[in-house]
Amino acid sequence: MANFNKAVLTKKGIALLAKAQAGQTGIQFTRAVSGNGSYGADETLTDKTALKDQRQEFPFDKLSVLNGTTVSARFTITNEQASGNLTEGYHVKEVGLYATDPDEGEILYAIATAVEG
């Protein structure tokens, strides 16, 4: 299994967090996604609005608050998918979390990428 860098909030994720902190909305996570995209050190992950090479999506098994600053989002990556569109294996090199923004609709909230090397 690949080692992953820390997850990064996207600009749209940061905007949604600001709305939540201002009491304008809550944060409703909708799904997790995985893909095979590779990222260079010069890429700005906060600008991303989707994974580079999304292959699958998964519902959350559990969302919980670990402490005052950390949310745990647990989901199971499997080779079986309800949509049945996974036709070949792939290396999981990117993972994203989507959430609903009341003004934007569903957004890529955060992204984590595999350590390349």
N, C-alpha and C. Protein backbone atom coordinates (compact mmCIF):
# COMPACT_ATOMS: atom_id res chain seq x y z
N MET A 1 0.84 -1.17 0.00
CA MET A 1 0.00 0.00 0.00
C MET A 1 0.89 1.24 0.00
N ALA A 2 0.49 2.24 -0.72
CA ALA A 2 1.26 3.47 -0.85
C ALA A 2 1.22 4.28 0.44
N ASN A 3 2.28 5.04 0.67
CA ASN A 3 2.28 6.03 1.74
C ASN A 3 1.69 7.31 1.18
N PHE A 4 0.94 8.02 1.99
CA PHE A 4 0.27 9.23 1.52
C PHE A 4 0.76 10.46 2.25
N ASN A 5 0.81 11.57 1.51
CA ASN A 5 1.05 12.87 2.11
C ASN A 5 -0.19 13.25 2.90
N LYS A 6 -0.06 14.26 3.76
CA LYS A 6 -1.21 14.75 4.51
C LYS A 6 -2.24 15.31 3.55
N ALA A 7 -3.51 15.16 3.91
CA ALA A 7 -4.59 15.70 3.08
C ALA A 7 -4.52 17.23 3.09
N VAL A 8 -4.94 17.82 1.98
CA VAL A 8 -4.94 19.26 1.81
C VAL A 8 -6.36 19.70 1.49
N LEU A 9 -6.84 20.74 2.17
CA LEU A 9 -8.14 21.31 1.81
C LEU A 9 -7.99 22.07 0.49
N THR A 10 -8.97 21.91 -0.38
CA THR A 10 -8.99 22.67 -1.62
C THR A 10 -9.48 24.09 -1.33
N LYS A 11 -9.35 24.99 -2.29
CA LYS A 11 -9.86 26.35 -2.11
C LYS A 11 -11.36 26.33 -1.85
N LYS A 12 -12.08 25.45 -2.57
CA LYS A 12 -13.52 25.34 -2.35
C LYS A 12 -13.81 24.74 -0.98
N GLY A 13 -12.95 23.83 -0.53
CA GLY A 13 -13.08 23.27 0.81
C GLY A 13 -12.86 24.33 1.89
N ILE A 14 -11.84 25.17 1.69
CA ILE A 14 -11.55 26.25 2.62
C ILE A 14 -12.72 27.23 2.68
N ALA A 15 -13.31 27.53 1.52
CA ALA A 15 -14.46 28.44 1.48
C ALA A 15 -15.65 27.84 2.24
N LEU A 16 -15.88 26.55 2.07
CA LEU A 16 -16.98 25.88 2.78
C LEU A 16 -16.70 25.88 4.28
N LEU A 17 -15.48 25.63 4.69
CA LEU A 17 -15.12 25.67 6.10
C LEU A 17 -15.37 27.06 6.68
N ALA A 18 -15.04 28.09 5.94
CA ALA A 18 -15.28 29.46 6.40
C ALA A 18 -16.78 29.72 6.58
N LYS A 19 -17.60 29.24 5.66
CA LYS A 19 -19.05 29.39 5.79
C LYS A 19 -19.56 28.67 7.04
N ALA A 20 -19.01 27.50 7.29
CA ALA A 20 -19.41 26.73 8.48
C ALA A 20 -18.98 27.45 9.76
N GLN A 21 -17.78 28.02 9.76
CA GLN A 21 -17.30 28.74 10.93
C GLN A 21 -18.12 30.00 11.19
N ALA A 22 -18.66 30.58 10.14
CA ALA A 22 -19.50 31.77 10.27
C ALA A 22 -20.94 31.42 10.62
N GLY A 23 -21.24 30.14 10.73
CA GLY A 23 -22.58 29.70 11.10
C GLY A 23 -23.57 29.72 9.95
N GLN A 24 -23.09 29.83 8.71
CA GLN A 24 -23.97 29.89 7.55
C GLN A 24 -24.40 28.52 7.08
N THR A 25 -23.66 27.47 7.45
CA THR A 25 -23.96 26.12 6.99
C THR A 25 -23.22 25.12 7.87
N GLY A 26 -23.56 23.88 7.71
CA GLY A 26 -22.77 22.79 8.28
C GLY A 26 -21.98 22.17 7.14
N ILE A 27 -21.15 21.20 7.47
CA ILE A 27 -20.40 20.50 6.42
C ILE A 27 -20.93 19.09 6.34
N GLN A 28 -21.47 18.76 5.17
CA GLN A 28 -22.01 17.43 4.91
C GLN A 28 -21.12 16.73 3.90
N PHE A 29 -20.33 15.76 4.38
CA PHE A 29 -19.50 14.99 3.46
C PHE A 29 -20.37 14.02 2.69
N THR A 30 -20.11 13.87 1.39
CA THR A 30 -20.97 13.06 0.53
C THR A 30 -20.36 11.75 0.08
N ARG A 31 -19.06 11.74 -0.21
CA ARG A 31 -18.44 10.51 -0.72
C ARG A 31 -16.93 10.65 -0.71
N ALA A 32 -16.28 9.51 -0.80
CA ALA A 32 -14.83 9.46 -0.97
C ALA A 32 -14.55 8.88 -2.34
N VAL A 33 -13.45 9.30 -2.95
CA VAL A 33 -13.08 8.81 -4.27
C VAL A 33 -11.60 8.43 -4.27
N SER A 34 -11.25 7.50 -5.15
CA SER A 34 -9.84 7.12 -5.29
C SER A 34 -9.49 7.11 -6.77
N GLY A 35 -8.21 7.31 -7.03
CA GLY A 35 -7.76 7.35 -8.41
C GLY A 35 -6.30 7.00 -8.56
N ASN A 36 -5.84 7.11 -9.81
CA ASN A 36 -4.51 6.68 -10.19
C ASN A 36 -3.64 7.85 -10.67
N GLY A 37 -4.06 9.08 -10.44
CA GLY A 37 -3.31 10.23 -10.93
C GLY A 37 -2.02 10.48 -10.18
N SER A 38 -1.02 10.97 -10.89
CA SER A 38 0.27 11.32 -10.30
C SER A 38 0.39 12.84 -10.24
N TYR A 39 1.06 13.32 -9.20
CA TYR A 39 1.19 14.76 -8.97
C TYR A 39 2.64 15.12 -8.80
N GLY A 40 3.04 16.22 -9.41
CA GLY A 40 4.39 16.73 -9.26
C GLY A 40 4.49 17.64 -8.05
N ALA A 41 5.71 17.83 -7.57
CA ALA A 41 5.94 18.67 -6.40
C ALA A 41 5.54 20.13 -6.66
N ASP A 42 5.50 20.54 -7.92
CA ASP A 42 5.17 21.92 -8.24
C ASP A 42 3.67 22.17 -8.39
N GLU A 43 2.85 21.16 -8.24
CA GLU A 43 1.40 21.32 -8.40
C GLU A 43 0.76 21.85 -7.12
N THR A 44 -0.19 22.75 -7.29
CA THR A 44 -0.91 23.32 -6.17
C THR A 44 -2.20 22.53 -5.96
N LEU A 45 -2.21 21.71 -4.94
CA LEU A 45 -3.38 20.85 -4.69
C LEU A 45 -4.61 21.64 -4.29
N THR A 46 -4.43 22.81 -3.69
CA THR A 46 -5.59 23.60 -3.27
C THR A 46 -6.43 24.05 -4.46
N ASP A 47 -5.84 24.09 -5.66
CA ASP A 47 -6.58 24.51 -6.86
C ASP A 47 -7.42 23.39 -7.47
N LYS A 48 -7.24 22.17 -7.02
CA LYS A 48 -7.91 21.02 -7.65
C LYS A 48 -9.41 21.04 -7.38
N THR A 49 -10.17 20.65 -8.39
CA THR A 49 -11.63 20.53 -8.26
C THR A 49 -12.09 19.10 -8.50
N ALA A 50 -11.17 18.23 -8.89
CA ALA A 50 -11.46 16.81 -9.10
C ALA A 50 -10.13 16.06 -9.09
N LEU A 51 -10.19 14.75 -8.93
CA LEU A 51 -8.98 13.95 -9.04
C LEU A 51 -8.54 13.92 -10.51
N LYS A 52 -7.28 13.68 -10.75
CA LYS A 52 -6.76 13.61 -12.12
C LYS A 52 -7.28 12.38 -12.85
N ASP A 53 -7.35 11.25 -12.13
CA ASP A 53 -7.73 9.99 -12.78
C ASP A 53 -8.61 9.17 -11.84
N GLN A 54 -9.80 9.71 -11.56
CA GLN A 54 -10.70 9.02 -10.63
C GLN A 54 -11.11 7.67 -11.19
N ARG A 55 -11.04 6.64 -10.35
CA ARG A 55 -11.41 5.29 -10.77
C ARG A 55 -12.63 4.76 -10.03
N GLN A 56 -12.76 5.13 -8.75
CA GLN A 56 -13.86 4.59 -7.95
C GLN A 56 -14.37 5.64 -6.97
N GLU A 57 -15.57 5.37 -6.44
CA GLU A 57 -16.10 6.19 -5.35
C GLU A 57 -16.71 5.26 -4.31
N PHE A 58 -16.73 5.75 -3.06
CA PHE A 58 -17.15 4.92 -1.94
C PHE A 58 -17.98 5.74 -0.95
N PRO A 59 -18.96 5.11 -0.33
CA PRO A 59 -19.67 5.78 0.76
C PRO A 59 -18.81 5.76 2.01
N PHE A 60 -19.11 6.60 2.95
CA PHE A 60 -18.39 6.61 4.22
C PHE A 60 -18.93 5.51 5.12
N ASP A 61 -18.03 4.81 5.79
CA ASP A 61 -18.41 3.84 6.81
C ASP A 61 -18.72 4.56 8.11
N LYS A 62 -17.92 5.61 8.39
CA LYS A 62 -18.08 6.33 9.65
C LYS A 62 -17.40 7.69 9.55
N LEU A 63 -18.06 8.72 10.04
CA LEU A 63 -17.48 10.05 10.18
C LEU A 63 -17.52 10.38 11.67
N SER A 64 -16.40 10.81 12.23
CA SER A 64 -16.40 11.15 13.65
C SER A 64 -15.37 12.24 13.93
N VAL A 65 -15.59 12.94 15.03
CA VAL A 65 -14.65 13.96 15.48
C VAL A 65 -13.69 13.30 16.46
N LEU A 66 -12.40 13.35 16.15
CA LEU A 66 -11.39 12.73 17.01
C LEU A 66 -10.98 13.64 18.16
N ASN A 67 -10.84 14.91 17.87
CA ASN A 67 -10.50 15.91 18.88
C ASN A 67 -11.02 17.25 18.38
N GLY A 68 -10.63 18.31 18.98
CA GLY A 68 -11.16 19.61 18.60
C GLY A 68 -10.77 20.08 17.21
N THR A 69 -9.81 19.41 16.57
CA THR A 69 -9.34 19.89 15.27
C THR A 69 -9.29 18.83 14.19
N THR A 70 -9.71 17.59 14.48
CA THR A 70 -9.55 16.51 13.52
C THR A 70 -10.84 15.73 13.33
N VAL A 71 -11.20 15.55 12.06
CA VAL A 71 -12.33 14.70 11.71
C VAL A 71 -11.78 13.44 11.08
N SER A 72 -12.31 12.30 11.49
CA SER A 72 -11.93 11.02 10.90
C SER A 72 -13.01 10.61 9.91
N ALA A 73 -12.60 10.37 8.67
CA ALA A 73 -13.52 9.91 7.63
C ALA A 73 -13.09 8.50 7.24
N ARG A 74 -13.87 7.50 7.64
CA ARG A 74 -13.50 6.12 7.35
C ARG A 74 -14.36 5.59 6.21
N PHE A 75 -13.68 4.97 5.23
CA PHE A 75 -14.36 4.33 4.11
C PHE A 75 -13.52 3.14 3.69
N THR A 76 -14.15 2.20 3.02
CA THR A 76 -13.48 0.97 2.63
C THR A 76 -13.27 0.96 1.12
N ILE A 77 -12.02 0.86 0.71
CA ILE A 77 -11.69 0.73 -0.71
C ILE A 77 -11.74 -0.76 -1.03
N THR A 78 -12.53 -1.11 -2.01
CA THR A 78 -12.70 -2.51 -2.38
C THR A 78 -12.65 -2.64 -3.90
N ASN A 79 -12.40 -3.85 -4.38
CA ASN A 79 -12.42 -4.05 -5.83
C ASN A 79 -13.81 -4.37 -6.34
N GLU A 80 -14.78 -4.39 -5.45
CA GLU A 80 -16.18 -4.57 -5.85
C GLU A 80 -16.89 -3.23 -5.69
N GLN A 81 -17.60 -2.84 -6.71
CA GLN A 81 -18.28 -1.55 -6.68
C GLN A 81 -19.70 -1.74 -7.20
N ALA A 82 -20.63 -1.10 -6.54
CA ALA A 82 -22.04 -1.24 -6.91
C ALA A 82 -22.29 -0.86 -8.37
N SER A 83 -21.58 0.14 -8.86
CA SER A 83 -21.80 0.57 -10.24
C SER A 83 -21.21 -0.42 -11.24
N GLY A 84 -20.29 -1.26 -10.79
CA GLY A 84 -19.73 -2.29 -11.65
C GLY A 84 -18.83 -1.79 -12.76
N ASN A 85 -18.29 -0.55 -12.64
CA ASN A 85 -17.51 0.00 -13.75
C ASN A 85 -16.01 -0.20 -13.59
N LEU A 86 -15.55 -0.91 -12.56
CA LEU A 86 -14.13 -1.16 -12.41
C LEU A 86 -13.77 -2.39 -13.25
N THR A 87 -13.02 -2.15 -14.32
CA THR A 87 -12.71 -3.24 -15.25
C THR A 87 -11.27 -3.72 -15.15
N GLU A 88 -10.39 -2.93 -14.48
CA GLU A 88 -9.01 -3.33 -14.32
C GLU A 88 -8.46 -2.73 -13.03
N GLY A 89 -7.43 -3.38 -12.49
CA GLY A 89 -6.81 -2.89 -11.28
C GLY A 89 -6.04 -1.61 -11.51
N TYR A 90 -5.71 -0.93 -10.43
CA TYR A 90 -4.93 0.31 -10.53
C TYR A 90 -4.23 0.55 -9.19
N HIS A 91 -3.21 1.39 -9.21
CA HIS A 91 -2.53 1.80 -7.99
C HIS A 91 -3.27 3.01 -7.43
N VAL A 92 -3.68 2.94 -6.19
CA VAL A 92 -4.36 4.07 -5.55
C VAL A 92 -3.29 5.10 -5.20
N LYS A 93 -3.30 6.22 -5.94
CA LYS A 93 -2.29 7.26 -5.75
C LYS A 93 -2.90 8.61 -5.40
N GLU A 94 -4.23 8.66 -5.35
CA GLU A 94 -4.92 9.90 -4.98
C GLU A 94 -6.25 9.54 -4.36
N VAL A 95 -6.61 10.30 -3.33
CA VAL A 95 -7.87 10.09 -2.62
C VAL A 95 -8.49 11.46 -2.39
N GLY A 96 -9.79 11.55 -2.60
CA GLY A 96 -10.47 12.82 -2.38
C GLY A 96 -11.72 12.65 -1.55
N LEU A 97 -12.09 13.71 -0.84
CA LEU A 97 -13.34 13.75 -0.08
C LEU A 97 -14.21 14.86 -0.65
N TYR A 98 -15.45 14.52 -0.93
CA TYR A 98 -16.40 15.49 -1.45
C TYR A 98 -17.38 15.91 -0.36
N ALA A 99 -17.86 17.14 -0.45
CA ALA A 99 -18.85 17.67 0.48
C ALA A 99 -19.81 18.55 -0.29
N THR A 100 -20.92 18.87 0.34
CA THR A 100 -21.92 19.72 -0.29
C THR A 100 -21.77 21.16 0.19
N ASP A 101 -21.61 22.08 -0.75
CA ASP A 101 -21.58 23.51 -0.46
C ASP A 101 -22.95 24.06 -0.85
N PRO A 102 -23.60 24.85 0.02
CA PRO A 102 -24.95 25.32 -0.30
C PRO A 102 -25.00 26.23 -1.53
N ASP A 103 -23.89 26.85 -1.87
CA ASP A 103 -23.86 27.76 -3.03
C ASP A 103 -23.29 27.10 -4.28
N GLU A 104 -22.39 26.13 -4.12
CA GLU A 104 -21.68 25.52 -5.24
C GLU A 104 -22.19 24.14 -5.62
N GLY A 105 -22.90 23.47 -4.71
CA GLY A 105 -23.26 22.07 -4.92
C GLY A 105 -22.14 21.19 -4.39
N GLU A 106 -21.96 20.02 -4.98
CA GLU A 106 -20.92 19.11 -4.50
C GLU A 106 -19.54 19.61 -4.93
N ILE A 107 -18.62 19.65 -3.97
CA ILE A 107 -17.26 20.14 -4.24
C ILE A 107 -16.23 19.12 -3.75
N LEU A 108 -15.04 19.17 -4.35
CA LEU A 108 -13.91 18.43 -3.81
C LEU A 108 -13.42 19.21 -2.62
N TYR A 109 -13.60 18.66 -1.42
CA TYR A 109 -13.29 19.34 -0.17
C TYR A 109 -11.81 19.19 0.18
N ALA A 110 -11.29 17.98 0.03
CA ALA A 110 -9.89 17.72 0.39
C ALA A 110 -9.32 16.66 -0.52
N ILE A 111 -8.00 16.66 -0.66
CA ILE A 111 -7.30 15.70 -1.50
C ILE A 111 -6.03 15.25 -0.81
N ALA A 112 -5.71 13.98 -0.94
CA ALA A 112 -4.45 13.42 -0.45
C ALA A 112 -3.79 12.67 -1.60
N THR A 113 -2.49 12.80 -1.71
CA THR A 113 -1.77 12.15 -2.80
C THR A 113 -0.69 11.22 -2.25
N ALA A 114 -0.37 10.22 -3.03
CA ALA A 114 0.66 9.26 -2.63
C ALA A 114 2.04 9.91 -2.66
N VAL A 115 2.89 9.45 -1.79
CA VAL A 115 4.29 9.87 -1.81
C VAL A 115 4.94 9.21 -3.01
N GLU A 116 5.42 10.00 -3.94
CA GLU A 116 6.05 9.45 -5.15
C GLU A 116 7.53 9.20 -4.89
N GLY A 117 8.02 8.13 -5.50
CA GLY A 117 9.45 7.94 -5.36
C GLY A 117 9.86 6.52 -5.25
